[in-house]
C-alpha atoms as a PDB file:
ATOM      1  CA  UNK A   1       0.050  -0.023  -0.180  1.00  0.00           C
ATOM      2  CA  UNK A   2       0.965   3.576  -0.408  1.00  0.00           C
ATOM      3  CA  UNK A   3       0.601   3.964   3.214  1.00  0.00           C
ATOM      4  CA  UNK A   4       2.148   2.188   6.047  1.00  0.00           C
ATOM      5  CA  UNK A   5      -0.582   2.416   8.827  1.00  0.00           C
ATOM      6  CA  UNK A   6       1.767   0.801  11.314  1.00  0.00           C
ATOM      7  CA  UNK A   7      -0.967  -2.081  12.198  1.00  0.00           C
ATOM      8  CA  UNK A   8       1.397  -4.004  14.375  1.00  0.00           C
ATOM      9  CA  UNK A   9       1.928  -0.884  16.577  1.00  0.00           C
ATOM     10  CA  UNK A  10      -1.874  -0.144  16.506  1.00  0.00           C
ATOM     11  CA  UNK A  11      -2.740  -3.838  17.411  1.00  0.00           C
ATOM     12  CA  UNK A  12      -0.003  -3.873  20.333  1.00  0.00           C
ATOM     13  CA  UNK A  13      -1.238  -0.507  21.772  1.00  0.00           C
ATOM     14  CA  UNK A  14      -5.112  -1.398  21.482  1.00  0.00           C
ATOM     15  CA  UNK A  15      -4.632  -5.027  23.069  1.00  0.00           C
ATOM     16  CA  UNK A  16      -2.613  -3.297  25.864  1.00  0.00           C
ATOM     17  CA  UNK A  17      -5.810  -1.233  26.754  1.00  0.00           C
ATOM     18  CA  UNK A  18      -7.979  -4.119  26.362  1.00  0.00           C
ATOM     19  CA  UNK A  19     -11.006  -2.551  24.945  1.00  0.00           C
ATOM     20  CA  UNK A  20     -14.221  -4.127  23.940  1.00  0.00           C
ATOM     21  CA  UNK A  21     -15.388  -1.870  21.340  1.00  0.00           C
ATOM     22  CA  UNK A  22     -13.383   0.877  19.384  1.00  0.00           C
ATOM     23  CA  UNK A  23     -13.989   3.762  17.019  1.00  0.00           C
ATOM     24  CA  UNK A  24     -11.664   4.308  14.137  1.00  0.00           C
ATOM     25  CA  UNK A  25     -11.163   7.795  12.608  1.00  0.00           C
ATOM     26  CA  UNK A  26      -9.468   8.037   9.339  1.00  0.00           C
ATOM     27  CA  UNK A  27      -8.476  11.194   7.271  1.00  0.00           C
ATOM     28  CA  UNK A  28     -10.504  11.567   4.028  1.00  0.00           C
ATOM     29  CA  UNK A  29      -7.651  10.420   1.603  1.00  0.00           C
ATOM     30  CA  UNK A  30      -7.186   7.193   3.774  1.00  0.00           C
ATOM     31  CA  UNK A  31     -10.750   6.077   4.032  1.00  0.00           C
ATOM     32  CA  UNK A  32     -10.290   3.772   0.879  1.00  0.00           C
ATOM     33  CA  UNK A  33      -8.244   1.569   2.941  1.00  0.00           C
ATOM     34  CA  UNK A  34     -10.899   1.075   5.635  1.00  0.00           C
ATOM     35  CA  UNK A  35     -11.452  -2.686   4.769  1.00  0.00           C
ATOM     36  CA  UNK A  36      -7.713  -3.598   5.011  1.00  0.00           C
ATOM     37  CA  UNK A  37      -7.384  -1.816   8.425  1.00  0.00           C
ATOM     38  CA  UNK A  38     -10.636  -3.023  10.027  1.00  0.00           C
ATOM     39  CA  UNK A  39     -10.058  -6.732   9.091  1.00  0.00           C
ATOM     40  CA  UNK A  40      -6.543  -6.548  10.443  1.00  0.00           C
ATOM     41  CA  UNK A  41      -7.555  -4.897  13.642  1.00  0.00           C
ATOM     42  CA  UNK A  42     -10.580  -7.268  14.186  1.00  0.00           C
ATOM     43  CA  UNK A  43      -8.631 -10.362  13.758  1.00  0.00           C
ATOM     44  CA  UNK A  44      -5.884  -9.333  15.830  1.00  0.00           C
ATOM     45  CA  UNK A  45      -7.464  -7.449  18.701  1.00  0.00           C
ATOM     46  CA  UNK A  46     -10.889  -9.424  19.001  1.00  0.00           C
ATOM     47  CA  UNK A  47     -12.662  -6.054  19.437  1.00  0.00           C
ATOM     48  CA  UNK A  48     -15.822  -4.687  18.061  1.00  0.00           C
ATOM     49  CA  UNK A  49     -14.740  -2.162  15.539  1.00  0.00           C
ATOM     50  CA  UNK A  50     -16.725   0.991  14.205  1.00  0.00           C
ATOM     51  CA  UNK A  51     -15.532   3.602  11.800  1.00  0.00           C
ATOM     52  CA  UNK A  52     -16.323   7.109  11.685  1.00  0.00           C
ATOM     53  CA  UNK A  53     -17.708   8.279   8.420  1.00  0.00           C
ATOM     54  CA  UNK A  54     -17.603  12.041   9.358  1.00  0.00           C
ATOM     55  CA  UNK A  55     -15.061  14.346   8.126  1.00  0.00           C
ATOM     56  CA  UNK A  56     -11.494  14.218   9.817  1.00  0.00           C
ATOM     57  CA  UNK A  57      -9.142  17.185   8.809  1.00  0.00           C
ATOM     58  CA  UNK A  58      -6.269  16.932  11.343  1.00  0.00           C
ATOM     59  CA  UNK A  59      -5.067  15.872  14.624  1.00  0.00           C
ATOM     60  CA  UNK A  60      -7.245  18.564  16.278  1.00  0.00           C
ATOM     61  CA  UNK A  61     -10.579  16.994  14.818  1.00  0.00           C
ATOM     62  CA  UNK A  62     -11.066  14.268  17.202  1.00  0.00           C
ATOM     63  CA  UNK A  63     -14.295  12.550  17.256  1.00  0.00           C
ATOM     64  CA  UNK A  64     -14.905  12.483  21.151  1.00  0.00           C
ATOM     65  CA  UNK A  65     -18.578  13.314  21.136  1.00  0.00           C
ATOM     66  CA  UNK A  66     -19.160  10.594  18.674  1.00  0.00           C
ATOM     67  CA  UNK A  67     -17.151   8.048  20.606  1.00  0.00           C
ATOM     68  CA  UNK A  68     -18.904   8.892  23.747  1.00  0.00           C
ATOM     69  CA  UNK A  69     -22.257   8.668  22.344  1.00  0.00           C
ATOM     70  CA  UNK A  70     -21.623   5.299  20.751  1.00  0.00           C
ATOM     71  CA  UNK A  71     -20.027   4.130  24.240  1.00  0.00           C
ATOM     72  CA  UNK A  72     -16.861   2.728  22.793  1.00  0.00           C
ATOM     73  CA  UNK A  73     -13.939   2.257  24.964  1.00  0.00           C
ATOM     74  CA  UNK A  74     -11.201   3.701  22.879  1.00  0.00           C
ATOM     75  CA  UNK A  75     -10.931   6.012  19.935  1.00  0.00           C
ATOM     76  CA  UNK A  76      -8.300   5.176  17.336  1.00  0.00           C
ATOM     77  CA  UNK A  77      -7.205   8.195  15.312  1.00  0.00           C
ATOM     78  CA  UNK A  78      -5.129   7.236  12.372  1.00  0.00           C
ATOM     79  CA  UNK A  79      -2.793   9.645  10.239  1.00  0.00           C
ATOM     80  CA  UNK A  80      -1.683  12.563  12.718  1.00  0.00           C
ATOM     81  CA  UNK A  81       0.615  13.099  15.391  1.00  0.00           C
ATOM     82  CA  UNK A  82      -0.911  13.699  18.743  1.00  0.00           C
ATOM     83  CA  UNK A  83      -2.276  17.003  18.849  1.00  0.00           C
ATOM     84  CA  UNK A  84      -4.534  17.438  21.829  1.00  0.00           C
ATOM     85  CA  UNK A  85      -2.823  16.154  24.901  1.00  0.00           C
ATOM     86  CA  UNK A  86      -5.284  16.593  27.763  1.00  0.00           C
ATOM     87  CA  UNK A  87      -8.358  14.513  26.757  1.00  0.00           C
ATOM     88  CA  UNK A  88     -11.165  13.278  29.142  1.00  0.00           C
ATOM     89  CA  UNK A  89     -11.493  10.214  26.954  1.00  0.00           C
ATOM     90  CA  UNK A  90      -9.122   7.340  25.988  1.00  0.00           C
ATOM     91  CA  UNK A  91      -7.548   8.299  22.674  1.00  0.00           C
ATOM     92  CA  UNK A  92      -4.821   6.527  20.610  1.00  0.00           C
ATOM     93  CA  UNK A  93      -3.250   8.466  17.766  1.00  0.00           C
ATOM     94  CA  UNK A  94      -1.510   6.148  15.205  1.00  0.00           C
ATOM     95  CA  UNK A  95       0.798   8.049  12.929  1.00  0.00           C
ATOM     96  CA  UNK A  96       0.798   6.811   9.287  1.00  0.00           C
ATOM     97  CA  UNK A  97       3.994   6.901   6.946  1.00  0.00           C
ATOM     98  CA  UNK A  98       3.693   7.526   3.137  1.00  0.00           C
ATOM     99  CA  UNK A  99       5.819   5.216   1.261  1.00  0.00           C
ATOM    100  CA  UNK A 100       6.254   7.359  -1.989  1.00  0.00           C
ATOM    101  CA  UNK A 101       9.485   6.993  -3.515  1.00  0.00           C
ATOM    102  CA  UNK A 102      11.082  10.721  -3.499  1.00  0.00           C
ATOM    103  CA  UNK A 103      13.984  10.026  -5.828  1.00  0.00           C
ATOM    104  CA  UNK A 104      12.618  11.513  -8.892  1.00  0.00           C
ATOM    105  CA  UNK A 105      10.809  14.379  -7.078  1.00  0.00           C
ATOM    106  CA  UNK A 106      14.207  15.280  -5.333  1.00  0.00           C
ATOM    107  CA  UNK A 107      16.172  15.284  -8.682  1.00  0.00           C
ATOM    108  CA  UNK A 108      13.406  17.635 -10.299  1.00  0.00           C
ATOM    109  CA  UNK A 109      13.610  19.803  -7.541  1.00  0.00           C
ATOM    110  CA  UNK A 110      17.298  20.942  -8.018  1.00  0.00           C
ATOM    111  CA  UNK A 111      16.528  23.417 -10.935  1.00  0.00           C
ATOM    112  CA  UNK A 112      13.988  25.215  -8.817  1.00  0.00           C
ATOM    113  CA  UNK A 113      16.311  25.542  -5.827  1.00  0.00           C
ATOM    114  CA  UNK A 114      19.363  26.732  -7.922  1.00  0.00           C
ATOM    115  CA  UNK A 115      19.175  30.280  -6.413  1.00  0.00           C
ATOM    116  CA  UNK A 116      18.976  29.038  -2.794  1.00  0.00           C
ATOM    117  CA  UNK A 117      21.838  27.860  -0.481  1.00  0.00           C
ATOM    118  CA  UNK A 118      20.523  27.827   3.049  1.00  0.00           C
ATOM    119  CA  UNK A 119      17.333  25.812   3.183  1.00  0.00           C
ATOM    120  CA  UNK A 120      15.233  24.999   5.823  1.00  0.00           C
ATOM    121  CA  UNK A 121      13.432  21.461   5.501  1.00  0.00           C
ATOM    122  CA  UNK A 122       9.923  20.661   7.000  1.00  0.00           C
ATOM    123  CA  UNK A 123       7.216  18.073   6.107  1.00  0.00           C
ATOM    124  CA  UNK A 124       3.876  16.890   7.058  1.00  0.00           C
ATOM    125  CA  UNK A 125       3.681  13.786   9.539  1.00  0.00           C
ATOM    126  CA  UNK A 126       3.426  11.109   6.719  1.00  0.00           C
ATOM    127  CA  UNK A 127       6.906  12.063   5.438  1.00  0.00           C
ATOM    128  CA  UNK A 128       8.865  12.923   8.566  1.00  0.00           C
ATOM    129  CA  UNK A 129      10.468   9.494   8.337  1.00  0.00           C
ATOM    130  CA  UNK A 130      12.326  10.705   5.169  1.00  0.00           C
ATOM    131  CA  UNK A 131      13.513  13.675   6.250  1.00  0.00           C
ATOM    132  CA  UNK A 132      16.951  12.846   6.968  1.00  0.00           C
ATOM    133  CA  UNK A 133      17.203  11.133   3.953  1.00  0.00           C
ATOM    134  CA  UNK A 134      16.132  14.100   1.911  1.00  0.00           C
ATOM    135  CA  UNK A 135      18.645  16.299   3.975  1.00  0.00           C
ATOM    136  CA  UNK A 136      21.462  14.147   2.869  1.00  0.00           C
ATOM    137  CA  UNK A 137      20.681  14.277  -0.708  1.00  0.00           C
ATOM    138  CA  UNK A 138      20.324  18.134  -0.744  1.00  0.00           C
ATOM    139  CA  UNK A 139      23.696  18.317   1.308  1.00  0.00           C
ATOM    140  CA  UNK A 140      25.470  16.017  -1.327  1.00  0.00           C
ATOM    141  CA  UNK A 141      24.182  18.521  -3.983  1.00  0.00           C
ATOM    142  CA  UNK A 142      25.789  21.658  -2.195  1.00  0.00           C
ATOM    143  CA  UNK A 143      23.040  22.849  -0.110  1.00  0.00           C
ATOM    144  CA  UNK A 144      22.987  23.902   3.514  1.00  0.00           C
ATOM    145  CA  UNK A 145      20.005  22.173   5.070  1.00  0.00           C
ATOM    146  CA  UNK A 146      18.552  22.961   8.468  1.00  0.00           C
ATOM    147  CA  UNK A 147      15.663  21.078   9.945  1.00  0.00           C
ATOM    148  CA  UNK A 148      13.889  23.487  12.525  1.00  0.00           C
ATOM    149  CA  UNK A 149      13.187  22.435  16.100  1.00  0.00           C
ATOM    150  CA  UNK A 150       9.550  21.840  17.141  1.00  0.00           C
ATOM    151  CA  UNK A 151       7.576  24.526  18.362  1.00  0.00           C
ATOM    152  CA  UNK A 152       3.906  25.138  19.142  1.00  0.00           C
ATOM    153  CA  UNK A 153       1.953  22.124  17.911  1.00  0.00           C
ATOM    154  CA  UNK A 154       4.479  20.313  16.035  1.00  0.00           C
ATOM    155  CA  UNK A 155       5.310  16.799  17.701  1.00  0.00           C
ATOM    156  CA  UNK A 156       8.811  16.597  16.281  1.00  0.00           C
ATOM    157  CA  UNK A 157      11.715  18.548  14.731  1.00  0.00           C
ATOM    158  CA  UNK A 158      10.763  19.354  11.191  1.00  0.00           C
ATOM    159  CA  UNK A 159       7.119  18.614  11.513  1.00  0.00           C
ATOM    160  CA  UNK A 160       4.631  21.163  10.350  1.00  0.00           C
ATOM    161  CA  UNK A 161       0.996  21.297  11.125  1.00  0.00           C
ATOM    162  CA  UNK A 162      -1.629  23.532   9.138  1.00  0.00           C
ATOM    163  CA  UNK A 163      -2.582  25.979  11.791  1.00  0.00           C
ATOM    164  CA  UNK A 164       0.762  27.485  13.025  1.00  0.00           C
ATOM    165  CA  UNK A 165       4.277  27.538  11.682  1.00  0.00           C
ATOM    166  CA  UNK A 166       6.310  28.839  14.705  1.00  0.00           C
ATOM    167  CA  UNK A 167       9.241  26.364  13.866  1.00  0.00           C
ATOM    168  CA  UNK A 168       9.805  28.201  10.831  1.00  0.00           C
ATOM    169  CA  UNK A 169       9.386  31.568  11.939  1.00  0.00           C
ATOM    170  CA  UNK A 170      12.079  30.813  14.571  1.00  0.00           C
ATOM    171  CA  UNK A 171      14.706  30.493  11.688  1.00  0.00           C
ATOM    172  CA  UNK A 172      13.310  32.636   8.875  1.00  0.00           C
ATOM    173  CA  UNK A 173      16.260  35.075   9.014  1.00  0.00           C
ATOM    174  CA  UNK A 174      18.764  31.928   8.653  1.00  0.00           C
ATOM    175  CA  UNK A 175      17.483  30.555   5.452  1.00  0.00           C
ATOM    176  CA  UNK A 176      16.903  31.783   1.745  1.00  0.00           C
ATOM    177  CA  UNK A 177      14.020  29.356   1.388  1.00  0.00           C
ATOM    178  CA  UNK A 178      11.829  26.553   2.774  1.00  0.00           C
ATOM    179  CA  UNK A 179      11.166  23.162   1.401  1.00  0.00           C
ATOM    180  CA  UNK A 180       7.954  21.584   2.447  1.00  0.00           C
ATOM    181  CA  UNK A 181       7.485  17.770   1.705  1.00  0.00           C
ATOM    182  CA  UNK A 182       3.627  16.929   1.395  1.00  0.00           C
ATOM    183  CA  UNK A 183       0.759  18.707  -0.079  1.00  0.00           C
ATOM    184  CA  UNK A 184      -0.577  22.179  -1.018  1.00  0.00           C
ATOM    185  CA  UNK A 185      -2.220  22.546   2.515  1.00  0.00           C
ATOM    186  CA  UNK A 186       0.847  22.655   4.578  1.00  0.00           C
ATOM    187  CA  UNK A 187       3.020  24.685   2.034  1.00  0.00           C
ATOM    188  CA  UNK A 188       0.368  27.139   1.520  1.00  0.00           C
ATOM    189  CA  UNK A 189       0.217  27.634   5.335  1.00  0.00           C
ATOM    190  CA  UNK A 190       4.029  28.049   5.340  1.00  0.00           C
ATOM    191  CA  UNK A 191       3.816  30.672   2.417  1.00  0.00           C
ATOM    192  CA  UNK A 192       1.428  32.775   4.526  1.00  0.00           C
ATOM    193  CA  UNK A 193       3.108  32.495   7.681  1.00  0.00           C
ATOM    194  CA  UNK A 194       6.850  33.487   6.585  1.00  0.00           C
ATOM    195  CA  UNK A 195       8.279  35.990   4.051  1.00  0.00           C
ATOM    196  CA  UNK A 196      10.619  33.589   2.210  1.00  0.00           C
ATOM    197  CA  UNK A 197      10.035  31.506  -0.835  1.00  0.00           C
ATOM    198  CA  UNK A 198       8.195  28.005  -0.115  1.00  0.00           C
ATOM    199  CA  UNK A 199       9.015  25.338  -2.348  1.00  0.00           C
ATOM    200  CA  UNK A 200       6.802  22.486  -2.371  1.00  0.00           C
ATOM    201  CA  UNK A 201       7.662  18.864  -3.148  1.00  0.00           C
ATOM    202  CA  UNK A 202       4.210  17.756  -3.929  1.00  0.00           C
ATOM    203  CA  UNK A 203       4.169  13.895  -3.264  1.00  0.00           C
ATOM    204  CA  UNK A 204       0.680  13.694  -4.478  1.00  0.00           C
ATOM    205  CA  UNK A 205       0.898  14.946  -7.999  1.00  0.00           C
ATOM    206  CA  UNK A 206       4.797  14.320  -7.982  1.00  0.00           C
ATOM    207  CA  UNK A 207       5.755  17.910  -9.153  1.00  0.00           C
ATOM    208  CA  UNK A 208       7.586  20.930  -7.685  1.00  0.00           C
ATOM    209  CA  UNK A 209       5.764  24.079  -6.905  1.00  0.00           C
ATOM    210  CA  UNK A 210       6.661  27.643  -5.984  1.00  0.00           C
ATOM    211  CA  UNK A 211       4.158  28.876  -3.725  1.00  0.00           C
ATOM    212  CA  UNK A 212       4.572  32.665  -4.469  1.00  0.00           C
ATOM    213  CA  UNK A 213       2.017  32.843  -7.097  1.00  0.00           C
ATOM    214  CA  UNK A 214      -0.798  31.129  -5.073  1.00  0.00           C
ATOM    215  CA  UNK A 215       0.210  33.030  -1.797  1.00  0.00           C
ATOM    216  CA  UNK A 216      -0.330  36.581  -3.801  1.00  0.00           C
ATOM    217  CA  UNK A 217      -3.747  35.253  -4.962  1.00  0.00           C
ATOM    218  CA  UNK A 218      -4.729  34.160  -1.456  1.00  0.00           C
ATOM    219  CA  UNK A 219      -3.554  37.649  -0.072  1.00  0.00           C
ATOM    220  CA  UNK A 220      -5.849  39.497  -2.456  1.00  0.00           C
ATOM    221  CA  UNK A 221      -8.706  37.510  -1.373  1.00  0.00           C
ATOM    222  CA  UNK A 222      -7.999  38.121   2.307  1.00  0.00           C
ATOM    223  CA  UNK A 223      -7.767  41.930   1.645  1.00  0.00           C
ATOM    224  CA  UNK A 224     -10.966  41.619  -0.227  1.00  0.00           C
ATOM    225  CA  UNK A 225     -12.716  39.682   2.769  1.00  0.00           C
ATOM    226  CA  UNK A 226     -11.281  42.074   5.395  1.00  0.00           C
ATOM    227  CA  UNK A 227     -12.706  45.090   3.570  1.00  0.00           C
ATOM    228  CA  UNK A 228     -16.154  43.579   3.136  1.00  0.00           C
ATOM    229  CA  UNK A 229     -16.332  42.915   7.016  1.00  0.00           C
ATOM    230  CA  UNK A 230     -15.249  46.433   7.714  1.00  0.00           C
ATOM    231  CA  UNK A 231     -18.363  47.471   5.660  1.00  0.00           C
ATOM    232  CA  UNK A 232     -20.770  44.940   7.388  1.00  0.00           C
ATOM    233  CA  UNK A 233     -23.287  45.994   9.816  1.00  0.00           C
ATOM    234  CA  UNK A 234     -24.524  42.516  11.238  1.00  0.00           C
ATOM    235  CA  UNK A 235     -21.656  40.142  11.914  1.00  0.00           C
ATOM    236  CA  UNK A 236     -21.691  36.562  13.133  1.00  0.00           C
ATOM    237  CA  UNK A 237     -18.956  35.199  15.444  1.00  0.00           C
ATOM    238  CA  UNK A 238     -18.384  31.539  14.870  1.00  0.00           C
ATOM    239  CA  UNK A 239     -17.219  29.526  17.936  1.00  0.00           C
ATOM    240  CA  UNK A 240     -15.866  26.147  16.634  1.00  0.00           C
ATOM    241  CA  UNK A 241     -16.917  23.230  19.107  1.00  0.00           C
ATOM    242  CA  UNK A 242     -14.596  20.738  17.862  1.00  0.00           C
ATOM    243  CA  UNK A 243     -12.352  19.767  20.813  1.00  0.00           C
ATOM    244  CA  UNK A 244      -8.899  20.963  19.252  1.00  0.00           C
ATOM    245  CA  UNK A 245     -10.302  24.130  17.630  1.00  0.00           C
ATOM    246  CA  UNK A 246     -11.730  25.730  20.765  1.00  0.00           C
ATOM    247  CA  UNK A 247     -10.857  29.398  20.809  1.00  0.00           C
ATOM    248  CA  UNK A 248     -11.735  30.365  24.381  1.00  0.00           C
ATOM    249  CA  UNK A 249     -13.382  33.708  25.255  1.00  0.00           C
ATOM    250  CA  UNK A 250     -15.239  35.470  22.616  1.00  0.00           C
ATOM    251  CA  UNK A 251     -16.697  38.261  24.575  1.00  0.00           C
ATOM    252  CA  UNK A 252     -14.006  40.520  24.325  1.00  0.00           C
ATOM    253  CA  UNK A 253     -13.893  40.658  20.519  1.00  0.00           C
ATOM    254  CA  UNK A 254     -17.680  40.889  20.535  1.00  0.00           C
ATOM    255  CA  UNK A 255     -17.539  44.042  22.736  1.00  0.00           C
ATOM    256  CA  UNK A 256     -15.158  45.672  20.456  1.00  0.00           C
ATOM    257  CA  UNK A 257     -17.010  45.163  17.455  1.00  0.00           C
ATOM    258  CA  UNK A 258     -20.092  46.325  18.988  1.00  0.00           C
ATOM    259  CA  UNK A 259     -18.098  49.546  20.142  1.00  0.00           C
ATOM    260  CA  UNK A 260     -17.438  49.873  16.164  1.00  0.00           C
ATOM    261  CA  UNK A 261     -21.218  49.958  15.960  1.00  0.00           C
ATOM    262  CA  UNK A 262     -21.747  46.567  14.489  1.00  0.00           C
ATOM    263  CA  UNK A 263     -24.523  44.032  15.687  1.00  0.00           C
ATOM    264  CA  UNK A 264     -22.903  40.876  16.460  1.00  0.00           C
ATOM    265  CA  UNK A 265     -24.309  37.341  16.999  1.00  0.00           C
ATOM    266  CA  UNK A 266     -22.523  34.296  18.358  1.00  0.00           C
ATOM    267  CA  UNK A 267     -22.969  31.124  16.512  1.00  0.00           C
ATOM    268  CA  UNK A 268     -21.751  27.771  17.517  1.00  0.00           C
ATOM    269  CA  UNK A 269     -20.662  25.381  14.751  1.00  0.00           C
ATOM    270  CA  UNK A 270     -18.842  22.056  14.682  1.00  0.00           C
ATOM    271  CA  UNK A 271     -17.954  21.719  10.968  1.00  0.00           C
ATOM    272  CA  UNK A 272     -18.640  24.888   8.784  1.00  0.00           C
ATOM    273  CA  UNK A 273     -20.601  24.340   5.445  1.00  0.00           C
ATOM    274  CA  UNK A 274     -22.177  27.064   3.253  1.00  0.00           C
ATOM    275  CA  UNK A 275     -25.610  25.188   4.057  1.00  0.00           C
ATOM    276  CA  UNK A 276     -25.136  25.863   7.617  1.00  0.00           C
ATOM    277  CA  UNK A 277     -24.602  29.526   6.967  1.00  0.00           C
ATOM    278  CA  UNK A 278     -27.260  29.949   4.131  1.00  0.00           C
ATOM    279  CA  UNK A 279     -30.202  30.405   6.674  1.00  0.00           C
ATOM    280  CA  UNK A 280     -28.420  33.155   8.639  1.00  0.00           C
ATOM    281  CA  UNK A 281     -29.406  35.639   5.697  1.00  0.00           C
ATOM    282  CA  UNK A 282     -29.602  38.820   7.882  1.00  0.00           C
ATOM    283  CA  UNK A 283     -25.759  38.366   8.613  1.00  0.00           C
ATOM    284  CA  UNK A 284     -23.521  40.134   6.404  1.00  0.00           C
ATOM    285  CA  UNK A 285     -20.251  38.395   7.187  1.00  0.00           C
ATOM    286  CA  UNK A 286     -18.649  36.121   9.774  1.00  0.00           C
ATOM    287  CA  UNK A 287     -15.396  36.001  11.890  1.00  0.00           C
ATOM    288  CA  UNK A 288     -14.491  32.285  12.723  1.00  0.00           C
ATOM    289  CA  UNK A 289     -12.761  31.427  15.956  1.00  0.00           C
ATOM    290  CA  UNK A 290     -12.293  27.828  15.031  1.00  0.00           C
ATOM    291  CA  UNK A 291      -9.353  26.453  12.530  1.00  0.00           C
ATOM    292  CA  UNK A 292      -7.949  29.737  10.723  1.00  0.00           C
ATOM    293  CA  UNK A 293      -7.659  27.716   7.616  1.00  0.00           C
ATOM    294  CA  UNK A 294     -11.495  27.377   7.046  1.00  0.00           C
ATOM    295  CA  UNK A 295     -11.689  31.121   6.220  1.00  0.00           C
ATOM    296  CA  UNK A 296      -8.333  31.048   4.041  1.00  0.00           C
ATOM    297  CA  UNK A 297      -8.806  27.802   2.244  1.00  0.00           C
ATOM    298  CA  UNK A 298     -12.586  27.619   1.533  1.00  0.00           C
ATOM    299  CA  UNK A 299     -12.850  31.367   0.496  1.00  0.00           C
ATOM    300  CA  UNK A 300     -14.834  30.415  -2.514  1.00  0.00           C
ATOM    301  CA  UNK A 301     -17.261  27.940  -0.969  1.00  0.00           C
ATOM    302  CA  UNK A 302     -18.933  30.755   0.837  1.00  0.00           C
ATOM    303  CA  UNK A 303     -21.278  33.390  -0.316  1.00  0.00           C
ATOM    304  CA  UNK A 304     -20.499  35.889   2.337  1.00  0.00           C
ATOM    305  CA  UNK A 305     -17.186  37.117   3.696  1.00  0.00           C
ATOM    306  CA  UNK A 306     -15.565  34.982   6.343  1.00  0.00           C
ATOM    307  CA  UNK A 307     -12.239  35.992   8.139  1.00  0.00           C
ATOM    308  CA  UNK A 308     -10.088  34.824  11.174  1.00  0.00           C
ATOM    309  CA  UNK A 309      -9.561  36.085  14.480  1.00  0.00           C
ATOM    310  CA  UNK A 310      -6.136  37.681  13.534  1.00  0.00           C
ATOM    311  CA  UNK A 311      -7.565  39.357  10.441  1.00  0.00           C
ATOM    312  CA  UNK A 312     -10.401  40.631  12.799  1.00  0.00           C
ATOM    313  CA  UNK A 313      -7.752  42.682  14.593  1.00  0.00           C
ATOM    314  CA  UNK A 314      -7.111  44.832  11.248  1.00  0.00           C
ATOM    315  CA  UNK A 315     -10.916  45.449  11.402  1.00  0.00           C
ATOM    316  CA  UNK A 316     -10.646  46.567  14.930  1.00  0.00           C
ATOM    317  CA  UNK A 317      -7.609  48.833  14.018  1.00  0.00           C
ATOM    318  CA  UNK A 318      -5.283  46.709  16.396  1.00  0.00           C
ATOM    319  CA  UNK A 319      -3.165  45.437  13.716  1.00  0.00           C
ATOM    320  CA  UNK A 320      -2.028  47.103  10.589  1.00  0.00           C
ATOM    321  CA  UNK A 321      -2.614  44.999   7.269  1.00  0.00           C
ATOM    322  CA  UNK A 322       0.887  45.648   6.383  1.00  0.00           C
ATOM    323  CA  UNK A 323       2.120  43.910   9.652  1.00  0.00           C
ATOM    324  CA  UNK A 324      -0.400  41.118   8.934  1.00  0.00           C
ATOM    325  CA  UNK A 325       1.183  40.504   5.512  1.00  0.00           C
ATOM    326  CA  UNK A 326       4.854  40.773   6.600  1.00  0.00           C
ATOM    327  CA  UNK A 327       4.352  38.781   9.866  1.00  0.00           C
ATOM    328  CA  UNK A 328       2.084  35.965   8.694  1.00  0.00           C
ATOM    329  CA  UNK A 329      -1.667  35.150   8.568  1.00  0.00           C
ATOM    330  CA  UNK A 330      -1.110  32.101  10.710  1.00  0.00           C
END
């Protein structure tokens, strides 16, 4: 298989906890392997296995309510490193390795990297096991490669997650560019976080992409969304209810918006879709306090402007647009 689901490790970990019934959670791109995973786990653990059919967008997206409602003994979350550390329910994170051969992609990348010498190297969790191998390849081709130390939500050195890039920011002055191994999601986040060239080694489309063009397109979209929110009278603050996406207090931002003459409504949503927002037809725009990538990534999915908390600071005149662009959206 393309992916190594580390089933031997999963089986050992599950058996050590002796559950009678478990719920399995898989990322969207890995659900096609459900039959193989369930078959192996069922045979070797002797447990009753349920599989969540709901969306799973990251390590922050644990199906805790689902697991509790189904009265399972253990939630097994495949595909991400541990993100939430203090959980009031038994959770087992199982990391997944991508077995894609990177050799042709690495050779292809050398032309795109010809003008860069000092390079930071990071990847999504699925490719982290190949990071040192990639580092050696580039060093043999006269590049100076640095793998940043873990910071924030990163579980390992060189690991990036979608919502923050503090490990890259910590070394931005020491490199000419960054390489991101994975897909557009993580590389776009990096491009919106640091003002250095971001080169994506896209292991899914097997191509090398400089993220600058897409970054500039997204920045124009963010500027337009912020301007629309500034002109809006009725605003909805969306409070995320997923366990890893809870913002905390929203009262302060609500009060500040009301001081600007806005009518503010608080909405709680677990997973945002256009269908859920359609009936709030009297609300002109939204500020979402869940995952910041929702407003950025899904800009074209929504009929009304949606901005992040950080972007709302521009609306409140607490952050200059130029500083947001220069210091990062994430």
